[in-house]
């Protein structure tokens, strides 16, 4: 950008340029003429079209010392983007309700308020609405637009309602608070005072469930909300729409499975499978287990260890001991989400397909519109022309949505690349550390290490105990 040239035959000792965002104008004295005066400066600003935010103090300083170099002579009023809507939660969304570690290294399950209760009319969340963008003005006097903040809906789930003004989410029934799939629901609580066994049969709870005793082998338990088990779980199948707390152990012959949308907190796991959409917290040890977490796996106790089996988490795995001195194969995986990668490549391929279709449609439309202009378009081709025109009109919106989705996937992939495996005590011979497609098999005992993926290679550094908390 720059100022217009002076009329032919005249030379201006002043040059004005306007920044690309049109929010600053800079002036400099040329070397091909005498010292500038105020009228020359005014003429230069007029030629450049600068008429807003002119700084008279800067003008005076420039005229007093025109050889001092470029001087910002005008500043526009920058636009301000609106703020996005924000949700203020009035309930605890940390459903893991992590147990405390006692000084002896054992987990204290006694003081966990796992099921969070609410009554009808309780306020669950408030929305602070998005704000409008404030328009600005360029140094040329033109209006500069600003985007409005983005709105987000309140996380309305079962047995909740949104106020008429759309800013308050309240409970419509008594029950326990369940946060899953980015929605808050209120679920009724069923209590079984004793065991799930032949007397109760299989359980299918529409809300949350509290079992004071054990869940014996061979039974199925399905829970729409959260599940709390006061005792042990055998070779049973548990499906939970919320979070799971098992205060005892999950031990059997490898026929048991716990699957939860949210988090799973459990004492010990032996030979069994646990899958969680969120975090998995192990109070003691896992032997020949299969643990799969959408976020992290944390062996909470100072005696927490994993021996044999396979554990997988997207973001981080934290344990005190991995493997044993017998060299039992123990597979540890982080930083790879197969479903995420499938969705990413599927979206990328769809974008490429649409972009290729656009080029073919453009060629077809050019030919059809030429025929139409020449009044030679056959009747049979008219519906085709309409459909192709409709396709071209819908394409920008489709591409924008796909590009936004692709960007979100890329952000998550980038987050996955920062995954870590933290071993506070020792990782033994036979432990396999996988970061996506990259892995390291240990051939010796390594003490107190943090493993990560650096440029396609598994590297390690000493554990900083000051930053690792139980």
Protein backbone atom coordinates (compact mmCIF):
# COMPACT_ATOMS: atom_id res chain seq x y z
CA UNK A 1 0.00 0.00 0.00
CA UNK A 2 1.06 3.60 -0.32
CA UNK A 3 0.19 7.17 -1.19
CA UNK A 4 -0.72 8.39 -4.62
CA UNK A 5 1.98 10.09 -6.67
CA UNK A 6 1.93 13.91 -6.78
CA UNK A 7 0.89 15.58 -10.03
CA UNK A 8 3.36 15.31 -12.91
CA UNK A 9 6.21 17.75 -12.60
CA UNK A 10 5.89 18.03 -8.82
CA UNK A 11 7.97 16.25 -6.21
CA UNK A 12 6.75 15.48 -2.71
CA UNK A 13 9.24 15.34 0.15
CA UNK A 14 6.76 13.25 2.12
CA UNK A 15 5.65 9.64 1.67
CA UNK A 16 2.73 8.03 3.49
CA UNK A 17 2.03 4.31 3.67
CA UNK A 18 -0.91 2.54 5.25
CA UNK A 19 -0.49 -0.84 7.00
CA UNK A 20 -2.13 -3.93 5.55
CA UNK A 21 -4.72 -3.99 8.35
CA UNK A 22 -5.40 -0.27 7.73
CA UNK A 23 -4.88 0.51 11.40
CA UNK A 24 -1.66 2.51 11.06
CA UNK A 25 -0.32 5.20 8.73
CA UNK A 26 3.42 5.82 8.59
CA UNK A 27 5.10 8.94 7.22
CA UNK A 28 8.70 9.47 6.12
CA UNK A 29 10.53 12.41 4.58
CA UNK A 30 12.02 11.81 1.14
CA UNK A 31 15.58 12.76 0.27
CA UNK A 32 14.73 14.33 -3.09
CA UNK A 33 13.31 17.62 -1.86
CA UNK A 34 13.64 20.26 0.83
CA UNK A 35 12.20 20.09 4.34
CA UNK A 36 8.44 19.49 4.47
CA UNK A 37 5.93 21.85 5.96
CA UNK A 38 2.49 21.35 7.48
CA UNK A 39 0.64 21.92 4.21
CA UNK A 40 2.77 19.32 2.41
CA UNK A 41 2.04 16.85 5.18
CA UNK A 42 -1.69 17.52 4.99
CA UNK A 43 -1.59 17.02 1.22
CA UNK A 44 0.30 13.73 1.62
CA UNK A 45 -2.26 12.44 4.09
CA UNK A 46 -5.09 13.45 1.77
CA UNK A 47 -3.47 11.66 -1.18
CA UNK A 48 -3.14 8.50 0.95
CA UNK A 49 -6.76 8.83 2.06
CA UNK A 50 -5.82 9.04 5.76
CA UNK A 51 -8.52 10.94 7.64
CA UNK A 52 -9.02 9.12 10.97
CA UNK A 53 -6.92 8.90 14.10
CA UNK A 54 -4.34 11.45 12.98
CA UNK A 55 -1.90 12.17 15.82
CA UNK A 56 -1.14 15.91 16.01
CA UNK A 57 1.65 15.35 18.53
CA UNK A 58 3.33 12.96 16.10
CA UNK A 59 2.90 15.52 13.32
CA UNK A 60 4.65 18.19 15.37
CA UNK A 61 7.51 15.83 16.22
CA UNK A 62 7.89 14.82 12.57
CA UNK A 63 7.97 18.42 11.33
CA UNK A 64 10.56 19.26 13.99
CA UNK A 65 12.81 16.39 12.90
CA UNK A 66 11.73 14.96 9.52
CA UNK A 67 14.95 12.93 9.09
CA UNK A 68 14.38 10.85 12.22
CA UNK A 69 12.97 7.96 10.22
CA UNK A 70 9.45 6.51 9.75
CA UNK A 71 6.87 7.99 12.12
CA UNK A 72 3.45 6.56 12.93
CA UNK A 73 1.23 9.51 12.10
CA UNK A 74 -2.24 7.96 12.54
CA UNK A 75 -3.79 5.06 14.36
CA UNK A 76 -7.17 3.50 13.69
CA UNK A 77 -9.62 2.11 16.20
CA UNK A 78 -9.16 -1.71 16.10
CA UNK A 79 -12.28 -3.87 16.14
CA UNK A 80 -12.87 -6.19 19.08
CA UNK A 81 -14.17 -9.71 18.57
CA UNK A 82 -17.11 -10.71 20.72
CA UNK A 83 -16.54 -13.14 23.57
CA UNK A 84 -17.80 -16.70 23.23
CA UNK A 85 -20.58 -17.91 25.50
CA UNK A 86 -19.37 -19.56 28.70
CA UNK A 87 -20.99 -22.22 30.88
CA UNK A 88 -20.65 -21.87 34.64
CA UNK A 89 -21.30 -25.23 36.26
CA UNK A 90 -22.94 -25.33 39.67
CA UNK A 91 -22.24 -29.03 40.21
CA UNK A 92 -18.99 -30.96 40.46
CA UNK A 93 -17.93 -32.17 37.03
CA UNK A 94 -14.96 -34.10 38.35
CA UNK A 95 -16.80 -37.40 38.55
CA UNK A 96 -13.69 -39.42 39.36
CA UNK A 97 -13.98 -38.22 43.00
CA UNK A 98 -10.45 -39.54 43.43
CA UNK A 99 -9.70 -41.37 46.68
CA UNK A 100 -6.89 -40.20 48.94
CA UNK A 101 -3.66 -42.10 49.49
CA UNK A 102 -2.92 -42.81 53.14
CA UNK A 103 0.59 -42.53 54.55
CA UNK A 104 0.95 -46.32 54.41
CA UNK A 105 0.35 -46.25 50.65
CA UNK A 106 -3.16 -47.70 50.81
CA UNK A 107 -6.24 -46.11 49.26
CA UNK A 108 -8.91 -44.64 51.52
CA UNK A 109 -12.32 -45.38 49.98
CA UNK A 110 -14.34 -44.52 53.07
CA UNK A 111 -14.63 -40.79 52.56
CA UNK A 112 -15.68 -40.62 48.91
CA UNK A 113 -18.95 -38.91 48.09
CA UNK A 114 -19.18 -40.72 44.77
CA UNK A 115 -22.86 -40.16 43.95
CA UNK A 116 -23.56 -36.43 43.83
CA UNK A 117 -27.21 -35.74 44.64
CA UNK A 118 -29.52 -32.97 43.41
CA UNK A 119 -33.13 -32.05 44.13
CA UNK A 120 -35.82 -30.80 41.75
CA UNK A 121 -35.27 -27.09 41.12
CA UNK A 122 -31.53 -27.19 41.83
CA UNK A 123 -29.50 -24.95 39.53
CA UNK A 124 -27.04 -27.13 37.62
CA UNK A 125 -25.44 -24.65 35.24
CA UNK A 126 -25.59 -21.01 34.14
CA UNK A 127 -24.79 -19.66 30.70
CA UNK A 128 -22.98 -16.37 30.27
CA UNK A 129 -24.13 -15.41 26.75
CA UNK A 130 -21.87 -14.53 23.87
CA UNK A 131 -21.20 -10.85 23.26
CA UNK A 132 -21.37 -8.93 19.99
CA UNK A 133 -18.20 -7.82 18.28
CA UNK A 134 -17.35 -4.11 18.44
CA UNK A 135 -16.70 -2.56 15.05
CA UNK A 136 -13.60 -0.48 14.52
CA UNK A 137 -12.48 2.31 12.17
CA UNK A 138 -9.46 2.30 9.86
CA UNK A 139 -7.13 5.28 9.35
CA UNK A 140 -8.97 5.67 6.03
CA UNK A 141 -12.21 6.23 7.92
CA UNK A 142 -13.74 2.94 6.78
CA UNK A 143 -15.60 0.58 9.09
CA UNK A 144 -13.78 -2.56 10.25
CA UNK A 145 -16.05 -5.46 11.15
CA UNK A 146 -15.57 -7.78 14.10
CA UNK A 147 -17.00 -11.30 14.57
CA UNK A 148 -19.58 -11.94 17.25
CA UNK A 149 -18.80 -14.47 19.97
CA UNK A 150 -19.96 -18.04 19.39
CA UNK A 151 -22.96 -19.38 21.25
CA UNK A 152 -22.94 -22.76 22.98
CA UNK A 153 -25.98 -24.60 24.33
CA UNK A 154 -26.52 -25.46 27.94
CA UNK A 155 -25.67 -29.14 28.55
CA UNK A 156 -29.29 -30.29 28.90
CA UNK A 157 -29.76 -33.98 29.61
CA UNK A 158 -32.45 -36.20 31.11
CA UNK A 159 -34.61 -34.70 33.88
CA UNK A 160 -33.33 -31.15 33.37
CA UNK A 161 -34.83 -28.04 31.81
CA UNK A 162 -33.58 -24.76 30.36
CA UNK A 163 -35.13 -21.49 31.50
CA UNK A 164 -37.14 -19.31 29.10
CA UNK A 165 -34.24 -16.90 28.69
CA UNK A 166 -31.96 -19.84 27.84
CA UNK A 167 -29.44 -19.01 30.56
CA UNK A 168 -30.20 -21.42 33.42
CA UNK A 169 -30.26 -25.23 33.58
CA UNK A 170 -32.16 -26.75 36.50
CA UNK A 171 -33.07 -30.23 37.71
CA UNK A 172 -36.67 -31.36 37.26
CA UNK A 173 -36.38 -34.42 39.53
CA UNK A 174 -34.52 -35.66 42.58
CA UNK A 175 -31.60 -37.97 41.92
CA UNK A 176 -27.86 -38.17 41.27
CA UNK A 177 -25.98 -35.86 38.93
CA UNK A 178 -24.47 -37.64 35.93
CA UNK A 179 -22.24 -35.82 33.42
CA UNK A 180 -21.64 -37.79 30.23
CA UNK A 181 -21.51 -36.99 26.51
CA UNK A 182 -21.19 -33.29 27.48
CA UNK A 183 -24.65 -33.31 29.06
CA UNK A 184 -25.87 -33.10 32.64
CA UNK A 185 -28.62 -35.54 33.59
CA UNK A 186 -30.40 -36.33 36.82
CA UNK A 187 -30.79 -40.04 37.33
CA UNK A 188 -32.76 -41.83 40.04
CA UNK A 189 -30.66 -43.84 42.49
CA UNK A 190 -31.32 -47.53 43.12
CA UNK A 191 -29.70 -49.14 46.17
CA UNK A 192 -29.05 -52.87 46.57
CA UNK A 193 -28.22 -53.64 50.20
CA UNK A 194 -26.15 -56.72 49.65
CA UNK A 195 -24.80 -58.63 46.66
CA UNK A 196 -25.83 -58.93 43.05
CA UNK A 197 -26.29 -62.68 42.83
CA UNK A 198 -28.86 -65.38 42.12
CA UNK A 199 -31.37 -63.62 44.36
CA UNK A 200 -31.28 -60.34 42.43
CA UNK A 201 -30.52 -61.72 38.98
CA UNK A 202 -29.14 -59.46 36.26
CA UNK A 203 -29.63 -55.72 36.85
CA UNK A 204 -30.78 -53.08 34.38
CA UNK A 205 -30.96 -49.74 36.23
CA UNK A 206 -32.48 -46.74 34.45
CA UNK A 207 -30.61 -44.34 36.75
CA UNK A 208 -27.63 -44.65 39.07
CA UNK A 209 -26.97 -47.75 41.17
CA UNK A 210 -25.34 -48.32 44.55
CA UNK A 211 -24.45 -51.92 45.48
CA UNK A 212 -23.29 -52.25 49.07
CA UNK A 213 -21.86 -55.75 48.60
CA UNK A 214 -20.32 -57.71 45.71
CA UNK A 215 -21.26 -58.39 42.12
CA UNK A 216 -20.79 -62.12 41.77
CA UNK A 217 -19.50 -63.93 38.69
CA UNK A 218 -21.83 -64.66 35.80
CA UNK A 219 -24.15 -61.67 36.16
CA UNK A 220 -24.80 -58.66 33.93
CA UNK A 221 -25.26 -55.17 35.31
CA UNK A 222 -26.37 -52.31 33.05
CA UNK A 223 -26.59 -48.81 34.52
CA UNK A 224 -27.68 -45.64 32.74
CA UNK A 225 -25.99 -43.38 35.32
CA UNK A 226 -23.18 -43.96 37.82
CA UNK A 227 -22.35 -47.24 39.56
CA UNK A 228 -20.88 -47.64 43.05
CA UNK A 229 -19.88 -51.09 44.30
CA UNK A 230 -18.90 -51.42 47.95
CA UNK A 231 -17.26 -54.86 47.54
CA UNK A 232 -15.68 -56.93 44.78
CA UNK A 233 -16.63 -57.78 41.21
CA UNK A 234 -16.12 -61.24 39.74
CA UNK A 235 -16.40 -62.51 36.17
CA UNK A 236 -19.33 -60.20 35.40
CA UNK A 237 -20.21 -57.86 32.56
CA UNK A 238 -20.85 -54.26 33.56
CA UNK A 239 -22.00 -51.53 31.18
CA UNK A 240 -22.27 -48.04 32.64
CA UNK A 241 -23.47 -44.79 31.06
CA UNK A 242 -21.66 -42.72 33.69
CA UNK A 243 -18.79 -43.43 36.09
CA UNK A 244 -17.84 -46.55 38.03
CA UNK A 245 -16.39 -46.89 41.51
CA UNK A 246 -15.44 -50.38 42.75
CA UNK A 247 -14.06 -50.16 46.27
CA UNK A 248 -12.84 -53.75 46.21
CA UNK A 249 -11.17 -55.83 43.50
CA UNK A 250 -12.08 -56.95 40.00
CA UNK A 251 -10.72 -60.48 39.85
CA UNK A 252 -11.64 -63.56 37.84
CA UNK A 253 -10.73 -65.94 35.05
CA UNK A 254 -10.59 -63.27 32.36
CA UNK A 255 -14.32 -63.42 31.59
CA UNK A 256 -15.25 -60.11 33.21
CA UNK A 257 -15.48 -56.69 31.58
CA UNK A 258 -16.34 -53.21 32.84
CA UNK A 259 -17.22 -50.62 30.21
CA UNK A 260 -18.00 -47.04 31.22
CA UNK A 261 -18.71 -43.86 29.29
CA UNK A 262 -17.06 -41.85 32.05
CA UNK A 263 -14.30 -42.74 34.51
CA UNK A 264 -13.53 -45.96 36.38
CA UNK A 265 -11.96 -46.04 39.85
CA UNK A 266 -11.15 -49.50 41.16
CA UNK A 267 -9.00 -51.27 43.76
CA UNK A 268 -7.10 -54.11 42.05
CA UNK A 269 -7.63 -55.75 38.65
CA UNK A 270 -6.57 -59.31 37.92
CA UNK A 271 -7.07 -60.93 34.48
CA UNK A 272 -10.01 -58.68 33.62
CA UNK A 273 -10.83 -55.94 31.10
CA UNK A 274 -11.69 -52.34 31.92
CA UNK A 275 -12.64 -49.74 29.32
CA UNK A 276 -13.38 -46.09 30.15
CA UNK A 277 -14.21 -43.12 27.98
CA UNK A 278 -12.43 -40.91 30.52
CA UNK A 279 -9.84 -41.88 33.13
CA UNK A 280 -9.01 -45.16 34.86
CA UNK A 281 -7.71 -44.97 38.43
CA UNK A 282 -6.26 -48.11 39.98
CA UNK A 283 -5.91 -48.13 43.76
CA UNK A 284 -3.43 -51.00 43.91
CA UNK A 285 -2.15 -53.21 41.11
CA UNK A 286 -3.21 -54.71 37.79
CA UNK A 287 -2.00 -58.21 36.91
CA UNK A 288 -2.46 -59.57 33.36
CA UNK A 289 -5.24 -57.01 32.88
CA UNK A 290 -6.42 -55.11 29.82
CA UNK A 291 -7.07 -51.45 30.62
CA UNK A 292 -8.16 -48.96 27.95
CA UNK A 293 -8.81 -45.30 28.81
CA UNK A 294 -9.93 -42.45 26.58
CA UNK A 295 -7.81 -40.03 28.63
CA UNK A 296 -5.41 -41.24 31.35
CA UNK A 297 -4.55 -44.24 33.51
CA UNK A 298 -3.25 -43.55 37.02
CA UNK A 299 -1.99 -46.16 39.47
CA UNK A 300 -2.81 -43.99 42.44
CA UNK A 301 -1.19 -45.85 45.32
CA UNK A 302 2.52 -45.59 46.07
CA UNK A 303 2.51 -49.38 45.60
CA UNK A 304 0.66 -49.16 42.28
CA UNK A 305 2.02 -51.43 39.59
CA UNK A 306 1.16 -53.10 36.29
CA UNK A 307 2.49 -56.57 35.49
CA UNK A 308 1.62 -58.39 32.26
CA UNK A 309 -1.35 -57.62 30.06
CA UNK A 310 -1.85 -54.38 28.10
CA UNK A 311 -2.83 -50.84 29.06
CA UNK A 312 -3.75 -48.09 26.65
CA UNK A 313 -4.48 -44.40 27.26
CA UNK A 314 -4.65 -41.39 24.99
CA UNK A 315 -2.87 -38.79 27.12
CA UNK A 316 -0.88 -40.26 29.98
CA UNK A 317 -0.11 -43.37 32.02
CA UNK A 318 1.30 -42.99 35.53
CA UNK A 319 2.53 -45.92 37.61
CA UNK A 320 5.14 -46.68 40.23
CA UNK A 321 6.20 -50.02 38.76
CA UNK A 322 5.82 -51.52 35.28
CA UNK A 323 6.59 -55.20 34.76
CA UNK A 324 8.58 -57.40 37.16
CA UNK A 325 12.04 -58.87 37.61
CA UNK A 326 10.92 -62.02 35.77
CA UNK A 327 10.68 -60.02 32.56
CA UNK A 328 6.95 -60.60 32.06
CA UNK A 329 5.83 -58.91 28.83
CA UNK A 330 3.87 -55.79 29.76
CA UNK A 331 2.54 -53.63 26.93
CA UNK A 332 1.96 -49.94 27.62
CA UNK A 333 0.43 -47.71 24.91
CA UNK A 334 -0.23 -43.96 24.79
CA UNK A 335 -0.72 -41.27 22.19
CA UNK A 336 -2.75 -43.14 19.63
CA UNK A 337 -6.50 -43.10 19.08
CA UNK A 338 -7.50 -45.44 16.27
CA UNK A 339 -11.01 -44.04 15.94
CA UNK A 340 -9.68 -40.47 15.87
CA UNK A 341 -7.26 -41.30 13.08
CA UNK A 342 -9.96 -43.10 11.09
CA UNK A 343 -12.26 -40.08 11.38
CA UNK A 344 -9.43 -37.70 10.46
CA UNK A 345 -8.52 -39.55 7.26
CA UNK A 346 -12.19 -40.05 6.40
CA UNK A 347 -12.83 -36.29 6.71
CA UNK A 348 -9.67 -35.43 4.77
CA UNK A 349 -10.70 -37.80 1.97
CA UNK A 350 -14.21 -36.30 1.87
CA UNK A 351 -12.76 -32.79 1.49
CA UNK A 352 -10.59 -33.97 -1.38
CA UNK A 353 -13.57 -35.65 -3.03
CA UNK A 354 -15.72 -32.51 -2.84
CA UNK A 355 -12.89 -30.32 -4.15
CA UNK A 356 -12.45 -32.67 -7.11
CA UNK A 357 -16.21 -32.67 -7.69
CA UNK A 358 -16.19 -28.86 -7.72
CA UNK A 359 -13.76 -28.78 -10.63
CA UNK A 360 -15.82 -31.28 -12.63
CA UNK A 361 -19.07 -29.45 -11.85
CA UNK A 362 -17.55 -26.10 -12.85
CA UNK A 363 -16.67 -27.52 -16.26
CA UNK A 364 -20.14 -28.99 -16.69
CA UNK A 365 -21.82 -25.75 -15.58
CA UNK A 366 -19.75 -23.69 -18.00
CA UNK A 367 -20.88 -25.87 -20.89
CA UNK A 368 -24.54 -25.90 -19.81
CA UNK A 369 -24.70 -22.14 -19.20
CA UNK A 370 -23.14 -21.51 -22.62
CA UNK A 371 -25.88 -23.63 -24.17
CA UNK A 372 -28.50 -21.76 -22.18
CA UNK A 373 -27.17 -18.35 -23.27
CA UNK A 374 -27.28 -19.53 -26.89
CA UNK A 375 -30.80 -20.84 -26.29
CA UNK A 376 -29.60 -24.34 -27.20
CA UNK A 377 -30.02 -26.07 -23.83
CA UNK A 378 -32.05 -29.30 -24.30
CA UNK A 379 -35.06 -29.76 -22.02
CA UNK A 380 -33.53 -32.92 -20.60
CA UNK A 381 -30.48 -30.95 -19.41
CA UNK A 382 -32.41 -28.22 -17.56
CA UNK A 383 -32.96 -30.29 -14.37
CA UNK A 384 -29.26 -31.19 -14.47
CA UNK A 385 -28.34 -27.51 -14.59
CA UNK A 386 -30.58 -26.79 -11.60
CA UNK A 387 -29.07 -29.62 -9.56
CA UNK A 388 -25.52 -28.57 -10.38
CA UNK A 389 -26.29 -24.97 -9.42
CA UNK A 390 -27.74 -26.19 -6.12
CA UNK A 391 -24.64 -28.29 -5.52
CA UNK A 392 -22.36 -25.30 -6.02
CA UNK A 393 -24.46 -23.22 -3.63
CA UNK A 394 -24.27 -25.87 -0.89
CA UNK A 395 -20.57 -26.63 -1.29
CA UNK A 396 -19.12 -23.68 0.71
CA UNK A 397 -21.11 -24.63 3.79
CA UNK A 398 -20.19 -28.31 3.46
CA UNK A 399 -16.51 -27.54 3.02
CA UNK A 400 -16.46 -25.12 5.94
CA UNK A 401 -18.04 -27.71 8.24
CA UNK A 402 -15.59 -30.40 7.09
CA UNK A 403 -12.60 -28.08 7.40
CA UNK A 404 -13.66 -27.15 10.94
CA UNK A 405 -14.00 -30.83 11.82
CA UNK A 406 -10.58 -31.57 10.29
CA UNK A 407 -9.06 -28.75 12.35
CA UNK A 408 -10.57 -30.18 15.53
CA UNK A 409 -9.17 -33.63 14.72
CA UNK A 410 -5.73 -32.10 14.06
CA UNK A 411 -5.80 -30.37 17.44
CA UNK A 412 -6.57 -33.67 19.16
CA UNK A 413 -3.83 -35.45 17.19
CA UNK A 414 -1.40 -32.73 18.30
CA UNK A 415 -2.49 -33.24 21.91
CA UNK A 416 -1.93 -36.98 21.52
CA UNK A 417 1.63 -36.36 20.33
CA UNK A 418 2.39 -34.90 23.77
CA UNK A 419 1.43 -38.11 25.59
CA UNK A 420 3.65 -39.36 28.41
CA UNK A 421 4.38 -42.51 30.41
CA UNK A 422 5.54 -41.73 33.94
CA UNK A 423 7.25 -44.44 35.99
CA UNK A 424 8.03 -43.21 39.49
CA UNK A 425 9.94 -46.29 40.66
CA UNK A 426 11.04 -48.78 38.02
CA UNK A 427 10.25 -50.10 34.56
CA UNK A 428 11.50 -53.65 34.13
CA UNK A 429 12.94 -55.81 31.41
CA UNK A 430 10.14 -56.99 29.09
CA UNK A 431 8.13 -53.77 29.24
CA UNK A 432 7.06 -52.42 25.83
CA UNK A 433 6.42 -48.68 25.62
CA UNK A 434 4.32 -47.70 22.59
CA UNK A 435 3.68 -44.15 21.35
CA UNK A 436 1.37 -44.63 18.41
CA UNK A 437 3.41 -46.53 15.84
CA UNK A 438 6.72 -45.89 17.63
CA UNK A 439 7.79 -48.16 20.49
CA UNK A 440 10.67 -49.08 22.78
CA UNK A 441 11.21 -52.51 24.36
CA UNK A 442 13.24 -52.29 27.53
CA UNK A 443 16.22 -54.62 27.81
CA UNK A 444 17.20 -53.50 31.30
CA UNK A 445 15.65 -52.00 34.43
CA UNK A 446 15.16 -48.23 34.29
CA UNK A 447 14.49 -46.13 37.36
CA UNK A 448 12.28 -43.04 37.80
CA UNK A 449 11.74 -42.07 34.15
CA UNK A 450 9.30 -40.02 32.08
CA UNK A 451 8.95 -41.39 28.54
CA UNK A 452 7.72 -39.41 25.55
CA UNK A 453 7.79 -39.38 21.76
CA UNK A 454 10.34 -36.93 20.39
CA UNK A 455 10.40 -36.68 16.59
CA UNK A 456 9.47 -40.32 16.06
CA UNK A 457 11.73 -41.75 18.76
CA UNK A 458 10.93 -42.84 22.31
CA UNK A 459 13.05 -40.79 24.70
CA UNK A 460 13.17 -40.52 28.49
CA UNK A 461 14.13 -38.07 31.21
CA UNK A 462 14.30 -38.25 35.01
CA UNK A 463 11.02 -37.95 36.90
CA UNK A 464 10.46 -34.54 38.44
CA UNK A 465 8.72 -35.65 41.62
CA UNK A 466 7.78 -32.08 42.41
CA UNK A 467 5.38 -32.12 39.45
CA UNK A 468 3.96 -35.62 39.99
CA UNK A 469 1.20 -35.89 42.59
CA UNK A 470 -0.75 -38.87 43.91
